[in-house]
């Protein structure tokens, strides 16, 4: 599992765009000694951006023929760069959030906070201690409590930056603050129940399609959507009622509708056969046409 790789810097607006621009020209940009000057960030920020680029699904880290690490822009990253390079769409922010939460690596704190942590509110100190306890039970290798504390600090800032005008650091927005899933008031952190508007129909459908491929399924139950890690109820903290309403809306879509079958014993969703990236390509091109 992965901890403390963000150098204590949360993701900032325009950072992902900066990374893609550089990686388009040089797949080993993050190992360039002059990278910080070329991109206009501090040295530690460049290391932080390397982590965020991978964690958000924008790039993948691979070994080239010389057994040196490179960072290749993913198909998702190419779509973002083409259609929403500054993460203006609500759906883009929600999908990036999903990428960070759906599995234990590389963003273990994010996976735990949204999938495993049962409480919906708590102080930063209590949340950190719960995370430490969970890691102790699930980690085989040595770890630093201080790294876990930094992960929780960074996680909270990623979603709340800009809420407080009293902290000069927080006027620098994070692209994920727009989904509104966390709020911090008087030292208490609250998970917010997200609505369909917070997440977006495109992001909700993308999660279903991605989950379908990763788990080799063609249908899923409402119960799973509410309770299983990596799905709407956990990742987006959505209530059962909101999930059912969203399913009803997705079943009425003109293109690639789901088949939502409601019975007395089991509410089942049959997922259409389309790749998540093909679906995203169509949705983004449609969104851009509407804006134009």
Protein backbone atom coordinates (compact mmCIF):
# COMPACT_ATOMS: atom_id res chain seq x y z
CA UNK A 1 0.00 0.00 0.00
CA UNK A 2 1.14 3.58 -0.56
CA UNK A 3 1.57 6.44 1.89
CA UNK A 4 2.91 10.00 1.94
CA UNK A 5 3.91 10.18 -1.73
CA UNK A 6 2.34 13.60 -2.32
CA UNK A 7 5.08 15.55 -0.48
CA UNK A 8 2.25 17.15 1.58
CA UNK A 9 1.02 19.13 -1.47
CA UNK A 10 -2.58 18.60 -2.49
CA UNK A 11 -3.44 18.65 -6.19
CA UNK A 12 -3.91 22.17 -7.56
CA UNK A 13 -5.90 23.52 -10.48
CA UNK A 14 -3.98 23.30 -13.80
CA UNK A 15 -1.34 20.93 -12.43
CA UNK A 16 -2.55 17.95 -14.46
CA UNK A 17 -2.60 20.06 -17.60
CA UNK A 18 1.00 21.11 -16.91
CA UNK A 19 2.03 17.46 -16.47
CA UNK A 20 0.39 16.26 -19.69
CA UNK A 21 1.93 19.09 -21.71
CA UNK A 22 5.43 18.15 -20.55
CA UNK A 23 4.91 14.39 -20.88
CA UNK A 24 3.67 14.83 -24.44
CA UNK A 25 7.23 15.89 -25.27
CA UNK A 26 9.23 13.77 -22.84
CA UNK A 27 7.97 10.57 -21.16
CA UNK A 28 10.85 10.86 -18.66
CA UNK A 29 10.11 14.48 -17.79
CA UNK A 30 9.75 13.74 -14.07
CA UNK A 31 13.38 12.53 -13.99
CA UNK A 32 14.72 15.64 -15.71
CA UNK A 33 16.96 17.61 -13.32
CA UNK A 34 15.59 20.82 -14.82
CA UNK A 35 11.94 19.72 -14.60
CA UNK A 36 11.05 22.22 -11.89
CA UNK A 37 12.27 25.14 -14.02
CA UNK A 38 10.51 23.92 -17.16
CA UNK A 39 7.16 23.47 -15.45
CA UNK A 40 7.36 26.43 -13.06
CA UNK A 41 6.96 24.51 -9.78
CA UNK A 42 9.22 23.80 -6.83
CA UNK A 43 11.26 20.57 -6.83
CA UNK A 44 9.08 18.92 -4.19
CA UNK A 45 5.95 20.04 -6.04
CA UNK A 46 7.21 18.28 -9.18
CA UNK A 47 7.57 15.06 -7.17
CA UNK A 48 4.08 15.62 -5.81
CA UNK A 49 2.72 16.12 -9.32
CA UNK A 50 4.25 12.83 -10.42
CA UNK A 51 2.24 11.09 -7.71
CA UNK A 52 -1.01 12.92 -8.53
CA UNK A 53 -0.63 12.20 -12.23
CA UNK A 54 -0.53 8.47 -11.50
CA UNK A 55 -3.13 8.46 -8.72
CA UNK A 56 -5.73 10.28 -10.82
CA UNK A 57 -5.34 7.89 -13.76
CA UNK A 58 -3.94 10.58 -16.06
CA UNK A 59 -0.66 8.72 -16.64
CA UNK A 60 0.75 5.25 -16.06
CA UNK A 61 4.26 4.43 -14.93
CA UNK A 62 6.04 1.84 -17.10
CA UNK A 63 9.56 0.60 -17.82
CA UNK A 64 10.98 1.28 -21.27
CA UNK A 65 13.30 -1.03 -23.23
CA UNK A 66 16.27 0.26 -21.24
CA UNK A 67 14.48 -0.66 -17.97
CA UNK A 68 14.05 3.00 -17.11
CA UNK A 69 10.79 4.37 -15.78
CA UNK A 70 8.60 6.45 -18.08
CA UNK A 71 5.23 8.09 -17.64
CA UNK A 72 2.82 7.53 -20.50
CA UNK A 73 -0.41 9.46 -20.86
CA UNK A 74 -3.39 7.11 -20.53
CA UNK A 75 -6.39 7.12 -22.86
CA UNK A 76 -8.31 8.78 -20.02
CA UNK A 77 -5.57 11.41 -19.76
CA UNK A 78 -5.79 12.08 -23.50
CA UNK A 79 -9.57 12.57 -23.25
CA UNK A 80 -9.16 14.98 -20.34
CA UNK A 81 -6.49 16.95 -22.18
CA UNK A 82 -8.63 17.17 -25.31
CA UNK A 83 -11.99 18.01 -23.76
CA UNK A 84 -11.50 19.27 -20.20
CA UNK A 85 -7.86 20.10 -19.56
CA UNK A 86 -8.66 22.43 -16.65
CA UNK A 87 -11.17 20.01 -14.99
CA UNK A 88 -14.16 22.31 -15.38
CA UNK A 89 -16.75 19.54 -15.78
CA UNK A 90 -18.22 18.17 -12.57
CA UNK A 91 -18.01 14.67 -14.09
CA UNK A 92 -14.25 14.96 -14.65
CA UNK A 93 -13.62 15.83 -11.01
CA UNK A 94 -15.88 12.98 -9.89
CA UNK A 95 -14.12 10.44 -12.13
CA UNK A 96 -10.70 11.54 -10.89
CA UNK A 97 -11.98 11.17 -7.33
CA UNK A 98 -13.23 7.67 -8.20
CA UNK A 99 -9.83 6.68 -9.65
CA UNK A 100 -8.18 7.62 -6.38
CA UNK A 101 -10.68 5.77 -4.19
CA UNK A 102 -11.48 2.57 -6.08
CA UNK A 103 -8.43 0.54 -4.98
CA UNK A 104 -5.86 0.40 -2.20
CA UNK A 105 -2.90 1.60 -4.29
CA UNK A 106 -1.42 4.08 -4.83
CA UNK A 107 -3.78 6.21 -2.69
CA UNK A 108 -4.36 4.01 0.33
CA UNK A 109 -5.66 6.81 2.57
CA UNK A 110 -8.28 7.71 -0.02
CA UNK A 111 -9.41 4.09 -0.41
CA UNK A 112 -9.70 3.71 3.35
CA UNK A 113 -11.42 7.02 4.05
CA UNK A 114 -14.19 6.56 1.50
CA UNK A 115 -14.59 2.77 1.49
CA UNK A 116 -13.63 1.49 4.93
CA UNK A 117 -14.17 4.30 7.43
CA UNK A 118 -17.68 3.93 8.82
CA UNK A 119 -18.03 7.32 10.55
CA UNK A 120 -19.27 10.30 8.57
CA UNK A 121 -17.71 12.93 10.85
CA UNK A 122 -14.78 13.33 13.22
CA UNK A 123 -11.82 15.43 14.21
CA UNK A 124 -8.67 15.21 12.12
CA UNK A 125 -6.91 13.60 15.09
CA UNK A 126 -9.56 10.89 15.51
CA UNK A 127 -9.65 10.15 11.80
CA UNK A 128 -5.85 9.88 11.71
CA UNK A 129 -5.83 7.46 14.66
CA UNK A 130 -8.48 5.28 13.02
CA UNK A 131 -6.42 5.20 9.84
CA UNK A 132 -3.30 4.23 11.79
CA UNK A 133 -5.22 1.42 13.49
CA UNK A 134 -6.52 0.13 10.15
CA UNK A 135 -3.05 0.18 8.57
CA UNK A 136 -1.62 -1.73 11.55
CA UNK A 137 -4.16 -4.48 10.92
CA UNK A 138 -3.70 -4.61 7.15
CA UNK A 139 -0.07 -3.72 6.42
CA UNK A 140 2.85 -6.18 6.51
CA UNK A 141 5.67 -3.73 5.87
CA UNK A 142 6.94 -0.98 8.21
CA UNK A 143 5.25 2.41 7.99
CA UNK A 144 5.51 5.85 9.58
CA UNK A 145 2.65 7.26 11.64
CA UNK A 146 3.77 10.70 10.50
CA UNK A 147 3.28 9.70 6.84
CA UNK A 148 -0.25 8.54 7.62
CA UNK A 149 -0.98 11.83 9.40
CA UNK A 150 0.26 13.74 6.34
CA UNK A 151 -2.02 11.63 4.14
CA UNK A 152 -5.10 12.57 6.17
CA UNK A 153 -4.07 16.25 6.24
CA UNK A 154 -3.59 16.23 2.47
CA UNK A 155 -6.84 14.34 1.83
CA UNK A 156 -8.88 16.88 3.77
CA UNK A 157 -7.24 19.83 2.01
CA UNK A 158 -7.78 18.25 -1.39
CA UNK A 159 -11.55 18.48 -0.93
CA UNK A 160 -11.89 21.56 1.26
CA UNK A 161 -9.29 24.00 -0.14
CA UNK A 162 -10.94 27.36 -0.66
CA UNK A 163 -13.70 26.85 1.92
CA UNK A 164 -11.86 28.96 4.48
CA UNK A 165 -10.72 32.46 3.57
CA UNK A 166 -8.66 32.71 6.77
CA UNK A 167 -5.94 30.34 5.58
CA UNK A 168 -3.85 31.99 2.85
CA UNK A 169 -2.79 28.58 1.49
CA UNK A 170 -6.38 27.56 0.83
CA UNK A 171 -7.11 30.24 -1.75
CA UNK A 172 -5.25 27.94 -4.16
CA UNK A 173 -8.08 25.76 -5.39
CA UNK A 174 -8.05 22.02 -5.84
CA UNK A 175 -9.96 20.69 -8.86
CA UNK A 176 -11.70 18.19 -6.55
CA UNK A 177 -13.12 20.76 -4.13
CA UNK A 178 -16.02 21.32 -6.56
CA UNK A 179 -17.67 17.96 -5.84
CA UNK A 180 -18.27 19.05 -2.23
CA UNK A 181 -17.83 15.66 -0.59
CA UNK A 182 -16.05 17.03 2.51
CA UNK A 183 -16.64 20.02 4.73
CA UNK A 184 -14.56 21.16 7.68
CA UNK A 185 -16.16 23.29 10.39
CA UNK A 186 -14.68 24.22 13.77
CA UNK A 187 -12.19 21.35 13.66
CA UNK A 188 -14.74 18.72 12.62
CA UNK A 189 -14.58 17.04 9.21
CA UNK A 190 -17.93 15.98 7.71
CA UNK A 191 -18.60 13.62 4.81
CA UNK A 192 -21.39 15.08 2.70
CA UNK A 193 -24.05 12.97 0.98
CA UNK A 194 -23.58 13.76 -2.69
CA UNK A 195 -26.45 14.30 -5.08
CA UNK A 196 -26.56 13.31 -8.75
CA UNK A 197 -25.78 16.94 -9.61
CA UNK A 198 -22.61 16.83 -7.47
CA UNK A 199 -21.33 13.78 -9.32
CA UNK A 200 -22.90 13.91 -12.79
CA UNK A 201 -24.63 11.25 -14.89
CA UNK A 202 -21.53 10.75 -17.01
CA UNK A 203 -19.34 9.97 -14.00
CA UNK A 204 -21.93 7.63 -12.49
CA UNK A 205 -22.20 5.67 -15.73
CA UNK A 206 -18.42 5.60 -16.14
CA UNK A 207 -18.07 3.98 -12.70
CA UNK A 208 -20.57 1.26 -13.65
CA UNK A 209 -18.80 0.54 -16.93
CA UNK A 210 -15.34 0.53 -15.33
CA UNK A 211 -16.53 -1.72 -12.50
CA UNK A 212 -18.09 -4.05 -15.07
CA UNK A 213 -14.77 -4.55 -16.87
CA UNK A 214 -12.64 -4.86 -13.73
CA UNK A 215 -14.97 -7.46 -12.15
CA UNK A 216 -16.15 -9.23 -15.33
CA UNK A 217 -19.87 -8.77 -14.64
CA UNK A 218 -22.84 -7.62 -16.71
CA UNK A 219 -25.26 -6.82 -13.88
CA UNK A 220 -25.19 -5.47 -10.35
CA UNK A 221 -27.65 -5.07 -7.49
CA UNK A 222 -28.71 -1.89 -5.74
CA UNK A 223 -27.42 -3.43 -2.52
CA UNK A 224 -23.95 -3.69 -4.05
CA UNK A 225 -24.10 -0.12 -5.33
CA UNK A 226 -24.91 1.07 -1.83
CA UNK A 227 -22.43 -1.01 0.14
CA UNK A 228 -19.54 -2.37 -1.93
CA UNK A 229 -16.14 -0.66 -1.98
CA UNK A 230 -15.46 1.21 -5.22
CA UNK A 231 -19.12 1.87 -5.99
CA UNK A 232 -21.47 4.84 -5.67
CA UNK A 233 -22.56 4.49 -2.04
CA UNK A 234 -19.03 4.38 -0.68
CA UNK A 235 -17.00 6.42 -3.17
CA UNK A 236 -19.55 9.25 -3.49
CA UNK A 237 -21.24 8.80 -0.10
CA UNK A 238 -24.62 8.59 -1.83
CA UNK A 239 -27.77 7.50 0.00
CA UNK A 240 -29.88 4.58 -1.19
CA UNK A 241 -32.69 6.92 -2.25
CA UNK A 242 -30.29 9.04 -4.31
CA UNK A 243 -28.84 5.91 -5.92
CA UNK A 244 -32.29 4.60 -6.89
CA UNK A 245 -33.23 7.99 -8.38
CA UNK A 246 -29.97 8.09 -10.33
CA UNK A 247 -30.59 4.58 -11.69
CA UNK A 248 -34.07 5.58 -12.82
CA UNK A 249 -32.61 8.59 -14.66
CA UNK A 250 -29.86 6.50 -16.30
CA UNK A 251 -32.46 3.97 -17.46
CA UNK A 252 -34.18 6.76 -19.42
CA UNK A 253 -31.03 7.84 -21.26
CA UNK A 254 -31.34 8.09 -25.05
CA UNK A 255 -27.96 6.40 -25.56
CA UNK A 256 -26.61 3.37 -23.69
CA UNK A 257 -29.37 3.21 -21.08
CA UNK A 258 -29.08 0.78 -18.21
CA UNK A 259 -31.82 -1.78 -17.65
CA UNK A 260 -33.10 -1.20 -14.11
CA UNK A 261 -35.33 -4.11 -13.07
CA UNK A 262 -37.17 -3.57 -9.78
CA UNK A 263 -38.67 -6.63 -8.05
CA UNK A 264 -39.79 -7.44 -4.53
CA UNK A 265 -36.69 -9.46 -3.73
CA UNK A 266 -33.90 -7.92 -5.79
CA UNK A 267 -33.35 -4.64 -7.61
CA UNK A 268 -31.00 -5.51 -10.46
CA UNK A 269 -29.16 -3.27 -12.92
CA UNK A 270 -28.04 -4.66 -16.27
CA UNK A 271 -25.09 -2.67 -17.59
CA UNK A 272 -24.78 -1.94 -21.34
CA UNK A 273 -21.82 -3.34 -23.27
CA UNK A 274 -19.67 -0.33 -24.06
CA UNK A 275 -16.15 0.42 -22.88
CA UNK A 276 -15.91 3.21 -20.29
CA UNK A 277 -13.49 5.15 -22.49
CA UNK A 278 -15.66 4.90 -25.61
CA UNK A 279 -18.59 6.07 -23.51
CA UNK A 280 -16.54 8.96 -22.12
CA UNK A 281 -15.39 9.98 -25.60
CA UNK A 282 -19.00 10.27 -26.77
CA UNK A 283 -20.13 12.12 -23.65
CA UNK A 284 -17.27 14.63 -23.69
CA UNK A 285 -17.69 15.38 -27.39
CA UNK A 286 -21.40 15.95 -26.77
CA UNK A 287 -20.70 18.23 -23.79
CA UNK A 288 -18.25 20.30 -25.82
CA UNK A 289 -20.76 20.64 -28.68
CA UNK A 290 -23.37 21.91 -26.21
CA UNK A 291 -20.92 24.48 -24.81
CA UNK A 292 -19.98 25.68 -28.29
